[in-house]
Protein backbone atom coordinates (compact mmCIF):
# COMPACT_ATOMS: atom_id res chain seq x y z
CA UNK A 1 -13.72 6.02 45.87
CA UNK A 2 -14.29 7.70 42.53
CA UNK A 3 -10.50 7.79 41.86
CA UNK A 4 -10.42 3.92 42.40
CA UNK A 5 -13.24 3.35 40.09
CA UNK A 6 -11.70 5.60 37.36
CA UNK A 7 -8.38 3.61 37.49
CA UNK A 8 -10.37 0.44 37.47
CA UNK A 9 -12.15 1.44 34.29
CA UNK A 10 -8.96 2.50 32.60
CA UNK A 11 -7.36 -0.90 33.53
CA UNK A 12 -10.48 -2.59 31.87
CA UNK A 13 -10.08 -0.47 28.81
CA UNK A 14 -6.30 -1.08 28.46
CA UNK A 15 -6.77 -4.89 28.98
CA UNK A 16 -9.42 -5.04 26.37
CA UNK A 17 -7.26 -3.18 23.91
CA UNK A 18 -4.25 -5.47 24.77
CA UNK A 19 -6.36 -8.48 24.40
CA UNK A 20 -7.80 -7.41 20.92
CA UNK A 21 -4.14 -6.63 19.85
CA UNK A 22 -3.15 -10.26 20.85
CA UNK A 23 -6.10 -11.95 19.47
CA UNK A 24 -5.47 -13.44 15.88
CA UNK A 25 -7.69 -11.72 13.38
CA UNK A 26 -10.67 -13.75 11.99
CA UNK A 27 -10.70 -13.93 8.10
CA UNK A 28 -13.74 -14.00 5.77
CA UNK A 29 -13.10 -14.18 2.07
CA UNK A 30 -16.25 -13.55 -0.25
CA UNK A 31 -15.71 -14.46 -3.79
CA UNK A 32 -18.38 -13.94 -6.56
CA UNK A 33 -18.39 -15.60 -10.04
CA UNK A 34 -18.07 -13.71 -13.25
CA UNK A 35 -18.90 -10.21 -11.49
CA UNK A 36 -17.56 -7.36 -13.64
CA UNK A 37 -15.68 -4.30 -12.58
CA UNK A 38 -18.59 -1.96 -13.09
CA UNK A 39 -20.94 -4.16 -10.86
CA UNK A 40 -21.07 -2.32 -7.58
CA UNK A 41 -22.28 1.22 -6.86
CA UNK A 42 -18.81 2.10 -5.56
CA UNK A 43 -17.52 1.21 -8.98
CA UNK A 44 -20.02 3.07 -11.00
CA UNK A 45 -23.15 0.91 -11.17
CA UNK A 46 -26.38 3.02 -11.53
CA UNK A 47 -29.07 0.54 -12.22
CA UNK A 48 -28.84 -1.49 -9.07
CA UNK A 49 -28.16 -1.00 -5.42
CA UNK A 50 -25.25 -2.31 -3.39
CA UNK A 51 -25.29 -0.10 -0.20
CA UNK A 52 -23.63 -2.69 2.08
CA UNK A 53 -20.51 -3.28 -0.06
CA UNK A 54 -20.32 0.37 -0.97
CA UNK A 55 -20.31 1.14 2.85
CA UNK A 56 -17.55 -1.65 3.44
CA UNK A 57 -15.52 -0.14 0.71
CA UNK A 58 -15.91 3.60 1.97
CA UNK A 59 -14.95 2.62 5.41
CA UNK A 60 -12.03 0.17 4.40
CA UNK A 61 -10.07 0.10 1.24
CA UNK A 62 -10.86 -0.67 -2.24
CA UNK A 63 -8.77 -1.34 -5.32
CA UNK A 64 -9.10 0.24 -8.81
CA UNK A 65 -6.56 -1.83 -10.44
CA UNK A 66 -6.99 -5.33 -8.94
CA UNK A 67 -6.69 -8.29 -11.23
CA UNK A 68 -8.13 -11.75 -10.96
CA UNK A 69 -5.05 -13.96 -11.89
CA UNK A 70 -6.79 -15.62 -14.96
CA UNK A 71 -10.06 -14.76 -16.69
CA UNK A 72 -11.54 -18.17 -15.92
CA UNK A 73 -12.80 -20.03 -12.72
CA UNK A 74 -10.68 -22.88 -11.63
CA UNK A 75 -7.25 -21.18 -12.53
CA UNK A 76 -8.40 -18.12 -10.77
CA UNK A 77 -9.41 -19.83 -7.61
CA UNK A 78 -6.26 -21.87 -7.45
CA UNK A 79 -4.35 -18.58 -7.58
CA UNK A 80 -6.38 -17.08 -4.54
CA UNK A 81 -5.96 -20.04 -2.25
CA UNK A 82 -2.24 -20.81 -2.88
CA UNK A 83 -0.64 -17.44 -3.81
CA UNK A 84 0.65 -18.85 -7.09
CA UNK A 85 0.16 -18.15 -10.62
CA UNK A 86 -2.05 -21.24 -11.62
CA UNK A 87 0.19 -22.35 -14.28
CA UNK A 88 2.92 -22.71 -11.80
CA UNK A 89 0.95 -25.34 -10.10
CA UNK A 90 -0.27 -26.96 -13.14
CA UNK A 91 -3.85 -25.65 -13.22
CA UNK A 92 -5.44 -24.22 -16.39
CA UNK A 93 -9.00 -23.12 -17.48
CA UNK A 94 -12.05 -24.58 -15.73
CA UNK A 95 -12.43 -28.15 -14.54
CA UNK A 96 -15.37 -30.01 -15.90
CA UNK A 97 -17.13 -32.69 -13.95
CA UNK A 98 -15.20 -35.98 -13.49
CA UNK A 99 -12.04 -34.17 -14.53
CA UNK A 100 -9.77 -36.57 -12.59
CA UNK A 101 -7.51 -33.59 -12.03
CA UNK A 102 -7.43 -30.88 -9.04
CA UNK A 103 -5.57 -28.85 -6.90
CA UNK A 104 -2.51 -30.83 -5.58
CA UNK A 105 -2.71 -31.67 -1.94
CA UNK A 106 1.05 -30.95 -1.85
CA UNK A 107 0.21 -27.15 -2.28
CA UNK A 108 -0.56 -25.12 0.77
CA UNK A 109 -4.01 -23.36 0.70
CA UNK A 110 -5.03 -20.28 2.89
CA UNK A 111 -7.09 -22.94 4.84
CA UNK A 112 -4.05 -25.11 5.61
CA UNK A 113 -1.94 -22.19 6.58
CA UNK A 114 -4.57 -20.91 9.18
CA UNK A 115 -5.50 -24.32 10.36
CA UNK A 116 -1.76 -24.78 11.56
CA UNK A 117 -2.38 -21.56 13.46
CA UNK A 118 -5.56 -22.98 15.28
CA UNK A 119 -8.22 -21.54 13.07
CA UNK A 120 -11.46 -23.18 12.38
CA UNK A 121 -11.79 -23.33 8.51
CA UNK A 122 -15.11 -23.56 6.58
CA UNK A 123 -16.02 -23.18 2.83
CA UNK A 124 -19.68 -22.43 1.88
CA UNK A 125 -20.33 -22.26 -1.83
CA UNK A 126 -18.52 -23.19 -5.06
CA UNK A 127 -15.29 -25.18 -4.87
CA UNK A 128 -14.27 -25.97 -8.42
CA UNK A 129 -10.75 -27.18 -7.83
CA UNK A 130 -11.46 -30.84 -8.32
CA UNK A 131 -14.39 -32.96 -7.68
CA UNK A 132 -12.55 -36.37 -7.15
CA UNK A 133 -12.11 -37.56 -3.62
CA UNK A 134 -8.31 -36.62 -3.19
CA UNK A 135 -9.01 -32.86 -4.16
CA UNK A 136 -12.18 -32.15 -2.06
CA UNK A 137 -12.09 -29.01 0.33
CA UNK A 138 -11.97 -31.32 3.29
CA UNK A 139 -8.53 -32.69 1.98
CA UNK A 140 -7.18 -29.27 1.38
CA UNK A 141 -7.42 -27.62 4.91
CA UNK A 142 -11.10 -27.07 5.44
CA UNK A 143 -12.92 -28.44 8.46
CA UNK A 144 -16.32 -27.93 6.76
CA UNK A 145 -17.73 -27.86 3.40
CA UNK A 146 -21.32 -26.92 2.26
CA UNK A 147 -21.66 -26.33 -1.40
CA UNK A 148 -21.17 -27.30 -5.00
CA UNK A 149 -18.20 -28.84 -6.61
CA UNK A 150 -18.08 -26.91 -9.92
CA UNK A 151 -19.89 -24.21 -11.65
CA UNK A 152 -23.62 -23.88 -11.54
CA UNK A 153 -24.17 -24.14 -15.26
CA UNK A 154 -22.61 -27.73 -15.34
CA UNK A 155 -26.00 -29.30 -15.03
CA UNK A 156 -28.73 -30.76 -17.40
CA UNK A 157 -31.04 -27.88 -16.98
CA UNK A 158 -28.93 -25.41 -18.88
CA UNK A 159 -30.92 -24.78 -21.98
CA UNK A 160 -27.73 -24.94 -24.16
CA UNK A 161 -24.82 -26.36 -22.33
CA UNK A 162 -26.78 -28.99 -20.73
CA UNK A 163 -27.37 -30.66 -24.20
CA UNK A 164 -23.92 -29.91 -25.50
CA UNK A 165 -21.94 -31.62 -22.82
CA UNK A 166 -24.58 -34.18 -21.52
CA UNK A 167 -24.05 -33.06 -17.93
CA UNK A 168 -25.17 -35.22 -14.97
CA UNK A 169 -27.26 -33.75 -12.08
CA UNK A 170 -25.49 -31.29 -9.76
CA UNK A 171 -25.62 -32.02 -6.09
CA UNK A 172 -25.23 -29.95 -2.91
CA UNK A 173 -22.54 -31.54 -0.77
CA UNK A 174 -21.88 -31.41 2.95
CA UNK A 175 -18.35 -32.28 3.53
CA UNK A 176 -17.58 -35.28 1.33
CA UNK A 177 -21.32 -36.42 0.95
CA UNK A 178 -23.96 -35.37 -1.55
CA UNK A 179 -27.12 -34.26 0.41
CA UNK A 180 -29.54 -33.19 -2.31
CA UNK A 181 -29.80 -32.86 -6.10
CA UNK A 182 -30.32 -29.21 -7.20
CA UNK A 183 -33.19 -28.43 -9.61
CA UNK A 184 -33.47 -24.84 -8.32
CA UNK A 185 -30.60 -22.63 -7.23
CA UNK A 186 -32.63 -19.62 -5.95
CA UNK A 187 -32.09 -20.26 -2.22
CA UNK A 188 -28.24 -20.77 -2.54
CA UNK A 189 -26.99 -17.21 -1.94
CA UNK A 190 -28.94 -17.05 1.30
CA UNK A 191 -28.27 -20.72 2.20
CA UNK A 192 -24.59 -20.39 1.91
CA UNK A 193 -24.51 -17.09 3.85
CA UNK A 194 -26.60 -18.78 6.52
CA UNK A 195 -24.17 -21.67 6.77
CA UNK A 196 -21.26 -19.13 7.28
CA UNK A 197 -23.20 -17.39 9.95
CA UNK A 198 -23.94 -20.80 11.71
CA UNK A 199 -20.11 -21.48 11.47
CA UNK A 200 -19.03 -18.15 12.91
CA UNK A 201 -21.55 -18.61 15.72
CA UNK A 202 -20.07 -22.11 16.57
CA UNK A 203 -16.43 -20.88 16.44
CA UNK A 204 -16.81 -17.34 17.82
CA UNK A 205 -14.45 -18.03 20.68
CA UNK A 206 -11.54 -19.09 18.43
CA UNK A 207 -9.99 -17.57 15.28
CA UNK A 208 -11.93 -18.76 12.08
CA UNK A 209 -11.48 -18.56 8.32
CA UNK A 210 -14.73 -18.40 6.24
CA UNK A 211 -14.28 -18.88 2.51
CA UNK A 212 -17.78 -17.83 0.99
CA UNK A 213 -17.45 -18.34 -2.91
CA UNK A 214 -20.84 -17.65 -4.22
CA UNK A 215 -21.96 -19.48 -7.64
CA UNK A 216 -23.68 -16.25 -8.70
CA UNK A 217 -23.86 -14.27 -10.74
CA UNK A 218 -22.38 -16.94 -13.02
CA UNK A 219 -25.22 -18.10 -15.38
CA UNK A 220 -27.82 -19.46 -15.04
CA UNK A 221 -28.97 -16.47 -12.75
CA UNK A 222 -30.94 -17.13 -9.73
CA UNK A 223 -32.29 -14.66 -7.10
CA UNK A 224 -34.41 -15.37 -3.99
CA UNK A 225 -38.11 -14.63 -4.69
CA UNK A 226 -37.57 -11.83 -2.03
CA UNK A 227 -35.25 -10.02 -4.56
CA UNK A 228 -36.91 -10.70 -7.87
CA UNK A 229 -37.98 -7.73 -9.69
CA UNK A 230 -36.36 -5.26 -7.36
CA UNK A 231 -33.70 -3.58 -9.52
CA UNK A 232 -33.61 -1.70 -12.70
CA UNK A 233 -30.91 -3.96 -14.28
CA UNK A 234 -33.34 -6.78 -14.27
CA UNK A 235 -32.56 -10.30 -12.90
CA UNK A 236 -28.69 -9.62 -12.96
CA UNK A 237 -29.27 -6.68 -10.82
CA UNK A 238 -31.51 -8.53 -8.42
CA UNK A 239 -28.70 -11.21 -8.06
CA UNK A 240 -26.16 -8.64 -7.21
CA UNK A 241 -28.45 -6.74 -4.86
CA UNK A 242 -29.19 -9.98 -3.04
CA UNK A 243 -25.48 -10.86 -2.64
CA UNK A 244 -24.98 -7.31 -1.29
CA UNK A 245 -27.90 -7.86 1.09
CA UNK A 246 -26.36 -11.21 2.40
CA UNK A 247 -23.04 -9.49 2.84
CA UNK A 248 -24.92 -6.87 5.06
CA UNK A 249 -26.46 -9.79 6.96
CA UNK A 250 -22.96 -11.32 7.59
CA UNK A 251 -21.38 -7.95 8.62
CA UNK A 252 -24.38 -7.37 11.04
CA UNK A 253 -23.87 -10.89 12.71
CA UNK A 254 -20.12 -9.97 13.27
CA UNK A 255 -21.19 -6.66 14.87
CA UNK A 256 -23.84 -8.45 16.99
CA UNK A 257 -21.00 -10.78 18.24
CA UNK A 258 -18.65 -7.96 18.76
CA UNK A 259 -16.16 -9.52 16.25
CA UNK A 260 -16.21 -6.91 13.24
CA UNK A 261 -13.28 -4.80 14.68
CA UNK A 262 -10.94 -7.93 14.62
CA UNK A 263 -12.12 -9.54 11.38
CA UNK A 264 -10.54 -9.27 7.92
CA UNK A 265 -13.12 -9.19 5.18
CA UNK A 266 -12.15 -9.46 1.55
CA UNK A 267 -14.73 -9.19 -1.32
CA UNK A 268 -13.82 -9.73 -4.90
CA UNK A 269 -14.58 -11.73 -8.13
CA UNK A 270 -12.90 -14.51 -9.82
CA UNK A 271 -12.95 -12.87 -13.22
CA UNK A 272 -14.82 -10.33 -15.50
CA UNK A 273 -18.28 -10.73 -16.95
CA UNK A 274 -19.30 -13.44 -19.54
CA UNK A 275 -20.42 -10.89 -22.07
CA UNK A 276 -22.04 -13.21 -24.63
CA UNK A 277 -24.87 -13.63 -22.08
CA UNK A 278 -25.91 -10.00 -22.68
CA UNK A 279 -28.39 -8.80 -20.14
CA UNK A 280 -27.57 -11.89 -17.90
CA UNK A 281 -23.99 -10.73 -17.75
CA UNK A 282 -22.32 -8.05 -15.93
CA UNK A 283 -20.34 -4.96 -16.93
CA UNK A 284 -16.67 -4.41 -17.32
CA UNK A 285 -17.22 -0.69 -16.97
CA UNK A 286 -14.90 1.27 -19.24
CA UNK A 287 -12.62 -1.69 -19.78
CA UNK A 288 -12.14 -3.79 -22.88
CA UNK A 289 -13.62 -7.19 -23.41
CA UNK A 290 -14.57 -9.49 -20.61
CA UNK A 291 -14.16 -13.11 -19.15
CA UNK A 292 -12.09 -15.55 -21.27
CA UNK A 293 -9.67 -12.72 -22.52
CA UNK A 294 -6.60 -11.15 -21.09
CA UNK A 295 -7.70 -7.54 -21.95
CA UNK A 296 -8.57 -5.41 -18.88
CA UNK A 297 -12.22 -6.38 -18.78
CA UNK A 298 -11.38 -10.08 -18.27
CA UNK A 299 -9.19 -9.43 -15.21
CA UNK A 300 -9.87 -6.13 -13.61
CA UNK A 301 -12.65 -6.76 -11.10
CA UNK A 302 -13.89 -5.22 -7.80
CA UNK A 303 -11.68 -5.75 -4.65
CA UNK A 304 -12.69 -4.62 -1.17
CA UNK A 305 -10.96 -5.01 2.13
CA UNK A 306 -12.25 -4.24 5.68
CA UNK A 307 -10.13 -4.67 8.71
CA UNK A 308 -11.10 -2.15 11.30
CA UNK A 309 -8.30 -2.96 13.64
CA UNK A 310 -5.57 -2.47 11.24
CA UNK A 311 -7.12 -0.10 8.39
CA UNK A 312 -7.70 3.04 10.35
CA UNK A 313 -8.63 5.23 7.49
CA UNK A 314 -10.61 4.82 4.30
CA UNK A 315 -8.49 4.58 1.16
CA UNK A 316 -8.89 4.09 -2.62
CA UNK A 317 -5.76 2.16 -3.95
CA UNK A 318 -4.86 2.75 -7.53
CA UNK A 319 -1.75 0.69 -7.40
CA UNK A 320 -2.19 -2.72 -9.14
CA UNK A 321 -2.57 -5.95 -7.25
CA UNK A 322 -3.43 -9.47 -8.30
CA UNK A 323 -5.15 -12.67 -6.90
CA UNK A 324 -1.68 -14.17 -6.17
CA UNK A 325 -1.41 -11.67 -3.32
CA UNK A 326 -4.18 -12.62 -1.01
CA UNK A 327 -2.39 -15.51 0.63
CA UNK A 328 0.72 -13.49 1.76
CA UNK A 329 -1.41 -10.60 2.84
CA UNK A 330 -3.43 -12.74 5.05
CA UNK A 331 -0.40 -14.63 6.38
CA UNK A 332 1.25 -11.25 7.30
CA UNK A 333 -1.90 -10.12 9.05
CA UNK A 334 -2.42 -13.41 10.99
CA UNK A 335 1.30 -13.90 11.56
CA UNK A 336 0.94 -17.38 9.87
CA UNK A 337 3.99 -19.19 8.59
CA UNK A 338 4.39 -19.04 4.76
CA UNK A 339 4.24 -22.07 2.60
CA UNK A 340 7.49 -23.96 1.99
CA UNK A 341 6.96 -24.16 -1.81
CA UNK A 342 7.60 -21.09 -3.77
CA UNK A 343 4.65 -18.55 -4.41
CA UNK A 344 4.33 -15.63 -6.52
CA UNK A 345 2.31 -13.33 -4.42
CA UNK A 346 3.45 -10.42 -2.24
CA UNK A 347 1.70 -8.93 0.85
CA UNK A 348 -0.64 -5.99 0.22
CA UNK A 349 -0.61 -4.96 3.84
CA UNK A 350 1.90 -2.13 3.41
CA UNK A 351 -0.54 -0.51 0.73
CA UNK A 352 -3.58 -0.92 2.87
CA UNK A 353 -1.95 0.51 6.04
CA UNK A 354 -0.09 3.40 4.41
CA UNK A 355 3.27 1.80 5.06
CA UNK A 356 3.81 1.91 1.35
CA UNK A 357 2.44 3.83 -1.73
CA UNK A 358 3.84 1.42 -4.31
CA UNK A 359 2.69 -1.90 -5.58
CA UNK A 360 4.91 -4.78 -4.53
CA UNK A 361 5.01 -6.04 -8.17
CA UNK A 362 6.65 -4.34 -11.19
CA UNK A 363 5.26 -7.12 -13.56
CA UNK A 364 2.07 -9.01 -13.87
CA UNK A 365 1.73 -12.00 -16.22
CA UNK A 366 -1.37 -12.81 -18.01
CA UNK A 367 -1.88 -16.42 -19.10
CA UNK A 368 -4.79 -18.26 -20.46
CA UNK A 369 -5.76 -21.61 -22.04
CA UNK A 370 -3.12 -24.38 -21.40
CA UNK A 371 -0.14 -22.08 -20.50
CA UNK A 372 -0.33 -19.46 -23.14
CA UNK A 373 1.38 -16.20 -22.25
CA UNK A 374 -0.88 -13.55 -23.80
CA UNK A 375 0.14 -10.30 -21.99
CA UNK A 376 2.29 -8.50 -19.49
CA UNK A 377 1.66 -5.49 -17.39
CA UNK A 378 5.06 -3.76 -16.69
CA UNK A 379 4.29 -0.60 -14.36
CA UNK A 380 1.85 1.47 -16.26
CA UNK A 381 2.27 -0.25 -19.65
CA UNK A 382 0.61 -3.25 -20.81
CA UNK A 383 1.96 -5.40 -23.79
CA UNK A 384 -0.05 -7.93 -25.71
CA UNK A 385 1.86 -10.77 -27.41
CA UNK A 386 0.72 -12.52 -30.61
CA UNK A 387 -2.31 -14.76 -29.80
CA UNK A 388 -5.94 -15.38 -30.61
CA UNK A 389 -8.78 -14.21 -28.49
CA UNK A 390 -12.58 -14.13 -28.69
CA UNK A 391 -14.68 -11.13 -28.87
CA UNK A 392 -18.21 -10.02 -29.74
CA UNK A 393 -16.78 -7.33 -32.02
CA UNK A 394 -19.18 -4.78 -30.86
CA UNK A 395 -22.33 -6.83 -30.95
CA UNK A 396 -24.67 -6.90 -27.79
CA UNK A 397 -26.02 -10.16 -26.39
CA UNK A 398 -29.69 -10.98 -25.76
CA UNK A 399 -31.63 -10.95 -22.56
CA UNK A 400 -33.08 -14.55 -22.76
CA UNK A 401 -30.40 -16.29 -20.78
CA UNK A 402 -28.82 -17.72 -23.82
CA UNK A 403 -25.31 -16.68 -25.27
CA UNK A 404 -24.50 -15.27 -28.73
CA UNK A 405 -21.56 -16.69 -30.41
CA UNK A 406 -18.04 -15.16 -30.02
CA UNK A 407 -15.68 -14.49 -33.15
CA UNK A 408 -11.95 -15.04 -33.00
CA UNK A 409 -9.52 -12.12 -33.45
CA UNK A 410 -5.81 -12.40 -33.74
CA UNK A 411 -3.04 -10.10 -32.64
CA UNK A 412 -0.22 -10.49 -35.26
CA UNK A 413 2.42 -8.36 -33.75
CA UNK A 414 3.07 -7.09 -30.17
CA UNK A 415 0.69 -4.25 -28.96
CA UNK A 416 1.63 -1.76 -26.30
CA UNK A 417 -0.93 0.35 -24.18
CA UNK A 418 -0.39 2.93 -21.45
CA UNK A 419 -3.07 2.14 -18.91
CA UNK A 420 -3.03 5.46 -17.33
CA UNK A 421 -3.42 7.55 -20.44
CA UNK A 422 -5.55 4.91 -22.20
CA UNK A 423 -7.42 2.85 -19.78
CA UNK A 424 -9.78 1.50 -22.56
CA UNK A 425 -6.82 0.07 -24.48
CA UNK A 426 -7.81 1.88 -27.69
CA UNK A 427 -4.37 3.29 -28.88
CA UNK A 428 -1.61 0.89 -29.79
CA UNK A 429 1.68 2.71 -29.17
CA UNK A 430 4.02 -0.19 -29.80
CA UNK A 431 5.49 1.87 -32.90
CA UNK A 432 5.93 5.05 -31.05
CA UNK A 433 7.76 3.29 -28.10
CA UNK A 434 9.92 0.55 -29.58
CA UNK A 435 12.36 0.74 -26.54
CA UNK A 436 9.65 0.11 -24.09
CA UNK A 437 8.19 -2.76 -26.36
CA UNK A 438 11.82 -4.44 -26.57
CA UNK A 439 12.16 -3.95 -22.65
CA UNK A 440 8.81 -5.81 -22.06
CA UNK A 441 9.57 -8.50 -24.53
CA UNK A 442 12.61 -9.38 -22.65
CA UNK A 443 10.62 -9.64 -19.53
CA UNK A 444 8.41 -12.10 -21.61
CA UNK A 445 11.52 -14.19 -22.30
CA UNK A 446 12.53 -14.27 -18.67
CA UNK A 447 9.05 -15.43 -17.29
CA UNK A 448 8.95 -18.17 -20.07
CA UNK A 449 11.88 -19.74 -18.61
CA UNK A 450 10.17 -19.92 -15.25
CA UNK A 451 6.43 -20.69 -16.08
CA UNK A 452 6.77 -21.73 -19.82
CA UNK A 453 4.67 -20.47 -22.76
CA UNK A 454 2.85 -22.94 -25.00
CA UNK A 455 2.71 -20.46 -27.78
CA UNK A 456 6.56 -20.47 -28.05
CA UNK A 457 6.80 -24.24 -26.93
CA UNK A 458 8.84 -23.06 -23.92
CA UNK A 459 8.80 -25.31 -20.87
CA UNK A 460 9.10 -23.58 -17.62
CA UNK A 461 11.70 -24.80 -15.09
CA UNK A 462 9.59 -24.03 -12.05
CA UNK A 463 6.44 -25.58 -13.02
CA UNK A 464 4.76 -28.03 -10.68
CA UNK A 465 2.18 -30.70 -11.39
CA UNK A 466 -1.54 -30.64 -10.69
CA UNK A 467 -3.05 -33.29 -8.68
CA UNK A 468 -4.07 -36.45 -10.74
CA UNK A 469 -6.12 -39.41 -10.08
CA UNK A 470 -4.14 -42.39 -9.60
CA UNK A 471 -4.96 -46.03 -10.06
CA UNK A 472 -5.21 -46.46 -6.29
CA UNK A 473 -7.70 -43.68 -5.95
CA UNK A 474 -10.14 -44.98 -8.59
């Protein structure tokens, strides 16, 4: 009798493992806004606590050379969802309210890709890829949307920008309808997490994709009253600590439902810190500059991935990766069909599962503004092309929630930096390495033919158009 019972238990275990192996993984993508490289404990933060994200990183993988694709909201988010350099799909900068332009519905988003595979898809947080009807999340593959349509500072209560741009009220949306005007944002981090938890509970018996793009820590900063005054960093630290707490709550919910083992969780930021806000901005760690520049501090941000079923051992990945890589990575793990239109990203699965020790890219291209090519990373070198960029030039911002003014600097001739020997980009070695400089300049010429470059008036031959409002849509 005991022999039969033992065999029965073995059968149950083996059937359970086989079922897990065959079940498509759930996907949760958590995106913060303007969070810098140095803004988690695992990345060196000392004056606030992020135990849940640190644990996720230590038990999964985390990247030390991960790049947001552009140092600005809309462009970066378009890249994540489509696997494309944003200028390939005609998206630049950050969309303003009533922009009459957005992510072209002809592009394939992660949500559309997974929806074709039977996934339930939901977004809870900030969209910022077009606020006109044809570009809303529910037209881009998401079954549900609960959130705001653009950045949280694009409202009349901002003490500076509200008067500069004459913003209208900002509304919280459910699907395609506004449900309430926002005059206080202190509940949003908790609220968006709760909506994600509710969505997971509803769809726990089918694969799901949850996109959770928090509006914080973009200014103006808001923390729930339960977290105010809890961290040494001040309000910014309170905000990050709350986000970390909510990540922990989400992970606990997955554990309670026995879903964590088969769930891919990605955590990253859309670009580096908005340094002009001083104490209300994050830290780029050792890296130079921040949001709005193509120096390392504008792009290099935290990136953590947890997927217990596939990532069997904790790992730090020093090889470079970029926001263009999430769609093909998720496609490989979920066995989803890749988009028909050309994309730029490559799967990071081999890096994360020890099948490869080398980045799938030799080159990364850093564009900004309206299609200006500013820099190229080639292997361990980064070349900056002539362009202007903003800087505080050593000044430190205030702690009152208002920005100080940037100054404009200009790169007159190509500058070359070796990122391994000189991660702070302090020593220009272009004159010492003319052959390497010429090699990367040739790469610049090649990408200009593909994606263009406004600074050299080159029109790319593979650039597609963003979505635009037509007369029939108005």
